[in-house]
Amino acid sequence: MSEIFNKQQALEQAGDDPDLAKDLLQMLFAELPDLLEKLKQALTDNNKTAIWDHTHKIHGSTAYCGVPALRAAAHSMEQLIRDELESEFIDGVGIIEREIGKLLSEGEAILAQFD
């Protein structure tokens, strides 16, 4: 799996502005728990539209933050949805959940890189 955080990528995606990179990460960290809960609820409800919407939101939220592992997990889940591989949705959401957990557990250390 990809690395949890890539500082150079985060800086590049933020126009080499460390304050902006840090702000984008803080926003991501703040919204991930809610997005994950919504995704898990959509999975429980077998609401394919909501599963797509929340997966896509997570994927989009990672676009400017330098978080390759979570981005890859969300991208893979989007592909499972496109391919209608419903039997693999639980595993896909589980991978997203693990990557979010890893990212959030490292959140303070990641943000400290911009101080």
N, C-alpha and C. Protein backbone atom coordinates (compact mmCIF):
# COMPACT_ATOMS: atom_id res chain seq x y z
N MET A 1 0.86 -1.18 0.00
CA MET A 1 0.00 0.00 0.00
C MET A 1 0.90 1.24 0.00
N SER A 2 0.37 2.30 -0.40
CA SER A 2 1.10 3.56 -0.50
C SER A 2 1.44 4.12 0.88
N GLU A 3 2.27 5.12 0.88
CA GLU A 3 2.63 5.77 2.13
C GLU A 3 1.45 6.58 2.68
N ILE A 4 1.42 6.76 3.99
CA ILE A 4 0.32 7.47 4.64
C ILE A 4 0.33 8.94 4.25
N PHE A 5 1.51 9.55 4.30
CA PHE A 5 1.61 10.98 4.04
C PHE A 5 2.86 11.28 3.25
N ASN A 6 2.75 12.19 2.29
CA ASN A 6 3.88 12.61 1.48
C ASN A 6 3.91 14.14 1.53
N LYS A 7 4.84 14.67 2.33
CA LYS A 7 4.91 16.12 2.53
C LYS A 7 5.18 16.86 1.22
N GLN A 8 6.08 16.36 0.41
CA GLN A 8 6.40 17.04 -0.85
C GLN A 8 5.17 17.13 -1.74
N GLN A 9 4.43 16.06 -1.80
CA GLN A 9 3.20 16.04 -2.60
C GLN A 9 2.19 17.04 -2.04
N ALA A 10 2.06 17.09 -0.73
CA ALA A 10 1.13 18.04 -0.10
C ALA A 10 1.52 19.47 -0.43
N LEU A 11 2.82 19.76 -0.36
CA LEU A 11 3.29 21.11 -0.69
C LEU A 11 3.05 21.45 -2.15
N GLU A 12 3.38 20.52 -3.03
CA GLU A 12 3.17 20.76 -4.46
C GLU A 12 1.70 21.04 -4.76
N GLN A 13 0.83 20.26 -4.15
CA GLN A 13 -0.60 20.40 -4.39
C GLN A 13 -1.17 21.69 -3.78
N ALA A 14 -0.43 22.25 -2.84
CA ALA A 14 -0.85 23.51 -2.21
C ALA A 14 -0.05 24.69 -2.77
N GLY A 15 0.53 24.54 -3.93
CA GLY A 15 1.28 25.63 -4.54
C GLY A 15 2.51 26.03 -3.76
N ASP A 16 3.15 25.06 -3.12
CA ASP A 16 4.34 25.29 -2.28
C ASP A 16 4.09 26.26 -1.13
N ASP A 17 2.86 26.31 -0.66
CA ASP A 17 2.48 27.16 0.48
C ASP A 17 2.27 26.26 1.70
N PRO A 18 3.23 26.22 2.63
CA PRO A 18 3.11 25.32 3.77
C PRO A 18 1.90 25.62 4.66
N ASP A 19 1.54 26.89 4.79
CA ASP A 19 0.37 27.23 5.60
C ASP A 19 -0.91 26.68 4.96
N LEU A 20 -1.01 26.80 3.65
CA LEU A 20 -2.17 26.26 2.95
C LEU A 20 -2.20 24.74 3.04
N ALA A 21 -1.05 24.10 2.89
CA ALA A 21 -0.97 22.64 3.00
C ALA A 21 -1.46 22.19 4.37
N LYS A 22 -1.01 22.88 5.41
CA LYS A 22 -1.42 22.53 6.76
C LYS A 22 -2.93 22.76 6.94
N ASP A 23 -3.44 23.87 6.43
CA ASP A 23 -4.88 24.15 6.53
C ASP A 23 -5.70 23.06 5.82
N LEU A 24 -5.26 22.66 4.64
CA LEU A 24 -5.98 21.62 3.90
C LEU A 24 -5.98 20.30 4.67
N LEU A 25 -4.86 19.97 5.27
CA LEU A 25 -4.79 18.75 6.08
C LEU A 25 -5.70 18.83 7.30
N GLN A 26 -5.70 19.98 7.97
CA GLN A 26 -6.56 20.14 9.14
C GLN A 26 -8.03 19.98 8.75
N MET A 27 -8.42 20.54 7.62
CA MET A 27 -9.80 20.39 7.16
C MET A 27 -10.10 18.92 6.85
N LEU A 28 -9.17 18.24 6.22
CA LEU A 28 -9.35 16.82 5.91
C LEU A 28 -9.51 16.02 7.19
N PHE A 29 -8.62 16.23 8.14
CA PHE A 29 -8.67 15.48 9.40
C PHE A 29 -10.00 15.72 10.12
N ALA A 30 -10.50 16.95 10.06
CA ALA A 30 -11.75 17.29 10.74
C ALA A 30 -12.95 16.61 10.10
N GLU A 31 -12.94 16.46 8.78
CA GLU A 31 -14.12 15.91 8.10
C GLU A 31 -14.09 14.39 7.95
N LEU A 32 -12.94 13.76 8.06
CA LEU A 32 -12.86 12.32 7.82
C LEU A 32 -13.72 11.46 8.75
N PRO A 33 -13.76 11.73 10.05
CA PRO A 33 -14.60 10.86 10.90
C PRO A 33 -16.08 10.86 10.46
N ASP A 34 -16.61 12.03 10.14
CA ASP A 34 -18.00 12.12 9.71
C ASP A 34 -18.20 11.43 8.35
N LEU A 35 -17.29 11.65 7.43
CA LEU A 35 -17.40 11.01 6.12
C LEU A 35 -17.35 9.49 6.25
N LEU A 36 -16.48 8.99 7.12
CA LEU A 36 -16.37 7.55 7.31
C LEU A 36 -17.66 6.99 7.90
N GLU A 37 -18.21 7.66 8.90
CA GLU A 37 -19.46 7.19 9.50
C GLU A 37 -20.59 7.17 8.47
N LYS A 38 -20.67 8.19 7.65
CA LYS A 38 -21.70 8.22 6.60
C LYS A 38 -21.50 7.09 5.60
N LEU A 39 -20.26 6.81 5.24
CA LEU A 39 -19.96 5.73 4.31
C LEU A 39 -20.37 4.38 4.92
N LYS A 40 -20.01 4.18 6.18
CA LYS A 40 -20.35 2.91 6.84
C LYS A 40 -21.86 2.74 6.97
N GLN A 41 -22.57 3.84 7.25
CA GLN A 41 -24.02 3.76 7.35
C GLN A 41 -24.64 3.45 5.99
N ALA A 42 -24.11 4.05 4.94
CA ALA A 42 -24.60 3.77 3.59
C ALA A 42 -24.39 2.30 3.24
N LEU A 43 -23.26 1.75 3.66
CA LEU A 43 -22.98 0.34 3.42
C LEU A 43 -23.98 -0.53 4.18
N THR A 44 -24.22 -0.19 5.45
CA THR A 44 -25.20 -0.92 6.26
C THR A 44 -26.58 -0.87 5.63
N ASP A 45 -26.94 0.30 5.10
CA ASP A 45 -28.25 0.49 4.48
C ASP A 45 -28.31 -0.07 3.05
N ASN A 46 -27.18 -0.53 2.54
CA ASN A 46 -27.07 -1.00 1.16
C ASN A 46 -27.56 0.06 0.17
N ASN A 47 -27.20 1.31 0.46
CA ASN A 47 -27.59 2.45 -0.38
C ASN A 47 -26.43 2.75 -1.32
N LYS A 48 -26.51 2.17 -2.51
CA LYS A 48 -25.39 2.27 -3.46
C LYS A 48 -25.09 3.70 -3.88
N THR A 49 -26.13 4.52 -4.01
CA THR A 49 -25.91 5.92 -4.37
C THR A 49 -25.13 6.63 -3.27
N ALA A 50 -25.52 6.41 -2.03
CA ALA A 50 -24.82 7.05 -0.90
C ALA A 50 -23.41 6.49 -0.74
N ILE A 51 -23.24 5.18 -0.99
CA ILE A 51 -21.90 4.60 -0.92
C ILE A 51 -20.99 5.32 -1.92
N TRP A 52 -21.49 5.49 -3.14
CA TRP A 52 -20.71 6.21 -4.16
C TRP A 52 -20.44 7.64 -3.70
N ASP A 53 -21.48 8.34 -3.27
CA ASP A 53 -21.33 9.75 -2.90
C ASP A 53 -20.27 9.94 -1.81
N HIS A 54 -20.31 9.12 -0.77
CA HIS A 54 -19.38 9.30 0.35
C HIS A 54 -17.97 8.84 -0.03
N THR A 55 -17.88 7.78 -0.81
CA THR A 55 -16.56 7.34 -1.29
C THR A 55 -15.94 8.42 -2.17
N HIS A 56 -16.74 8.96 -3.07
CA HIS A 56 -16.25 10.00 -3.98
C HIS A 56 -15.84 11.26 -3.20
N LYS A 57 -16.59 11.60 -2.17
CA LYS A 57 -16.25 12.76 -1.34
C LYS A 57 -14.90 12.53 -0.63
N ILE A 58 -14.71 11.33 -0.11
CA ILE A 58 -13.42 11.02 0.53
C ILE A 58 -12.30 11.11 -0.49
N HIS A 59 -12.51 10.53 -1.66
CA HIS A 59 -11.49 10.57 -2.70
C HIS A 59 -11.17 12.00 -3.09
N GLY A 60 -12.19 12.80 -3.31
CA GLY A 60 -11.98 14.19 -3.68
C GLY A 60 -11.30 14.99 -2.58
N SER A 61 -11.63 14.69 -1.35
CA SER A 61 -11.05 15.40 -0.21
C SER A 61 -9.55 15.14 -0.07
N THR A 62 -9.09 14.05 -0.62
CA THR A 62 -7.67 13.72 -0.52
C THR A 62 -6.84 14.37 -1.63
N ALA A 63 -7.50 14.96 -2.61
CA ALA A 63 -6.82 15.40 -3.83
C ALA A 63 -5.68 16.39 -3.59
N TYR A 64 -5.80 17.23 -2.60
CA TYR A 64 -4.80 18.29 -2.40
C TYR A 64 -4.06 18.17 -1.08
N CYS A 65 -3.99 16.96 -0.55
CA CYS A 65 -3.45 16.82 0.81
C CYS A 65 -2.22 15.94 0.93
N GLY A 66 -1.79 15.29 -0.13
CA GLY A 66 -0.59 14.46 -0.03
C GLY A 66 -0.79 13.24 0.85
N VAL A 67 -1.93 12.57 0.70
CA VAL A 67 -2.23 11.37 1.49
C VAL A 67 -2.47 10.19 0.54
N PRO A 68 -1.39 9.69 -0.05
CA PRO A 68 -1.53 8.71 -1.13
C PRO A 68 -2.23 7.40 -0.76
N ALA A 69 -2.03 6.89 0.44
CA ALA A 69 -2.65 5.61 0.80
C ALA A 69 -4.17 5.73 0.87
N LEU A 70 -4.66 6.79 1.51
CA LEU A 70 -6.10 6.97 1.59
C LEU A 70 -6.68 7.29 0.21
N ARG A 71 -5.98 8.08 -0.54
CA ARG A 71 -6.44 8.40 -1.90
C ARG A 71 -6.56 7.13 -2.74
N ALA A 72 -5.56 6.26 -2.66
CA ALA A 72 -5.58 5.01 -3.41
C ALA A 72 -6.71 4.10 -2.93
N ALA A 73 -6.94 4.05 -1.63
CA ALA A 73 -8.02 3.22 -1.10
C ALA A 73 -9.38 3.71 -1.59
N ALA A 74 -9.58 5.01 -1.58
CA ALA A 74 -10.85 5.58 -2.05
C ALA A 74 -11.01 5.36 -3.55
N HIS A 75 -9.92 5.52 -4.29
CA HIS A 75 -9.97 5.28 -5.73
C HIS A 75 -10.34 3.83 -6.02
N SER A 76 -9.74 2.91 -5.29
CA SER A 76 -10.05 1.48 -5.48
C SER A 76 -11.51 1.19 -5.17
N MET A 77 -12.03 1.83 -4.13
CA MET A 77 -13.44 1.63 -3.78
C MET A 77 -14.34 2.19 -4.88
N GLU A 78 -13.98 3.33 -5.43
CA GLU A 78 -14.75 3.87 -6.55
C GLU A 78 -14.79 2.87 -7.71
N GLN A 79 -13.67 2.22 -7.95
CA GLN A 79 -13.62 1.24 -9.05
C GLN A 79 -14.50 0.04 -8.75
N LEU A 80 -14.52 -0.41 -7.50
CA LEU A 80 -15.41 -1.51 -7.12
C LEU A 80 -16.87 -1.14 -7.37
N ILE A 81 -17.21 0.09 -7.04
CA ILE A 81 -18.58 0.55 -7.24
C ILE A 81 -18.90 0.61 -8.74
N ARG A 82 -18.00 1.19 -9.51
CA ARG A 82 -18.21 1.27 -10.97
C ARG A 82 -18.39 -0.12 -11.59
N ASP A 83 -17.59 -1.07 -11.10
CA ASP A 83 -17.63 -2.43 -11.64
C ASP A 83 -18.77 -3.26 -11.01
N GLU A 84 -19.52 -2.63 -10.10
CA GLU A 84 -20.65 -3.26 -9.43
C GLU A 84 -20.25 -4.55 -8.71
N LEU A 85 -19.08 -4.53 -8.09
CA LEU A 85 -18.58 -5.68 -7.33
C LEU A 85 -19.03 -5.58 -5.88
N GLU A 86 -20.33 -5.66 -5.68
CA GLU A 86 -20.93 -5.46 -4.36
C GLU A 86 -20.38 -6.39 -3.30
N SER A 87 -19.98 -7.59 -3.70
CA SER A 87 -19.44 -8.55 -2.73
C SER A 87 -18.12 -8.06 -2.13
N GLU A 88 -17.49 -7.07 -2.76
CA GLU A 88 -16.21 -6.56 -2.27
C GLU A 88 -16.34 -5.21 -1.56
N PHE A 89 -17.56 -4.68 -1.48
CA PHE A 89 -17.75 -3.36 -0.86
C PHE A 89 -17.32 -3.34 0.61
N ILE A 90 -17.64 -4.39 1.36
CA ILE A 90 -17.28 -4.42 2.78
C ILE A 90 -15.77 -4.33 2.94
N ASP A 91 -15.03 -5.11 2.15
CA ASP A 91 -13.56 -5.06 2.23
C ASP A 91 -13.04 -3.69 1.81
N GLY A 92 -13.63 -3.11 0.76
CA GLY A 92 -13.19 -1.79 0.30
C GLY A 92 -13.38 -0.72 1.35
N VAL A 93 -14.52 -0.75 2.01
CA VAL A 93 -14.78 0.23 3.08
C VAL A 93 -13.85 -0.05 4.26
N GLY A 94 -13.57 -1.30 4.52
CA GLY A 94 -12.63 -1.65 5.60
C GLY A 94 -11.24 -1.09 5.35
N ILE A 95 -10.80 -1.14 4.10
CA ILE A 95 -9.48 -0.59 3.76
C ILE A 95 -9.50 0.93 3.94
N ILE A 96 -10.55 1.58 3.50
CA ILE A 96 -10.67 3.03 3.71
C ILE A 96 -10.64 3.34 5.20
N GLU A 97 -11.38 2.58 5.98
CA GLU A 97 -11.42 2.82 7.43
C GLU A 97 -10.04 2.66 8.06
N ARG A 98 -9.30 1.62 7.66
CA ARG A 98 -7.94 1.43 8.20
C ARG A 98 -7.02 2.58 7.80
N GLU A 99 -7.11 3.02 6.55
CA GLU A 99 -6.24 4.12 6.11
C GLU A 99 -6.59 5.42 6.82
N ILE A 100 -7.87 5.67 7.04
CA ILE A 100 -8.27 6.86 7.80
C ILE A 100 -7.73 6.75 9.22
N GLY A 101 -7.84 5.59 9.83
CA GLY A 101 -7.31 5.40 11.18
C GLY A 101 -5.83 5.67 11.27
N LYS A 102 -5.07 5.14 10.32
CA LYS A 102 -3.62 5.38 10.30
C LYS A 102 -3.33 6.87 10.15
N LEU A 103 -4.01 7.50 9.22
CA LEU A 103 -3.78 8.92 8.94
C LEU A 103 -4.10 9.76 10.17
N LEU A 104 -5.25 9.52 10.79
CA LEU A 104 -5.64 10.33 11.94
C LEU A 104 -4.74 10.05 13.15
N SER A 105 -4.25 8.82 13.29
CA SER A 105 -3.36 8.53 14.41
C SER A 105 -2.02 9.25 14.26
N GLU A 106 -1.65 9.56 13.03
CA GLU A 106 -0.41 10.28 12.75
C GLU A 106 -0.65 11.78 12.55
N GLY A 107 -1.89 12.22 12.71
CA GLY A 107 -2.27 13.59 12.39
C GLY A 107 -1.42 14.66 13.03
N GLU A 108 -1.19 14.56 14.34
CA GLU A 108 -0.41 15.60 15.02
C GLU A 108 1.02 15.66 14.49
N ALA A 109 1.60 14.49 14.28
CA ALA A 109 2.98 14.45 13.77
C ALA A 109 3.05 15.00 12.34
N ILE A 110 2.01 14.71 11.56
CA ILE A 110 1.97 15.21 10.19
C ILE A 110 1.88 16.73 10.21
N LEU A 111 0.95 17.26 10.99
CA LEU A 111 0.78 18.71 11.06
C LEU A 111 2.02 19.41 11.61
N ALA A 112 2.70 18.76 12.55
CA ALA A 112 3.92 19.35 13.14
C ALA A 112 5.02 19.56 12.11
N GLN A 113 4.96 18.81 11.00
CA GLN A 113 5.97 18.99 9.95
C GLN A 113 5.88 20.37 9.29
N PHE A 114 4.78 21.07 9.51
CA PHE A 114 4.58 22.38 8.89
C PHE A 114 4.81 23.52 9.87
N ASP A 115 5.22 23.20 11.10
CA ASP A 115 5.50 24.25 12.10
C ASP A 115 6.91 24.76 11.99
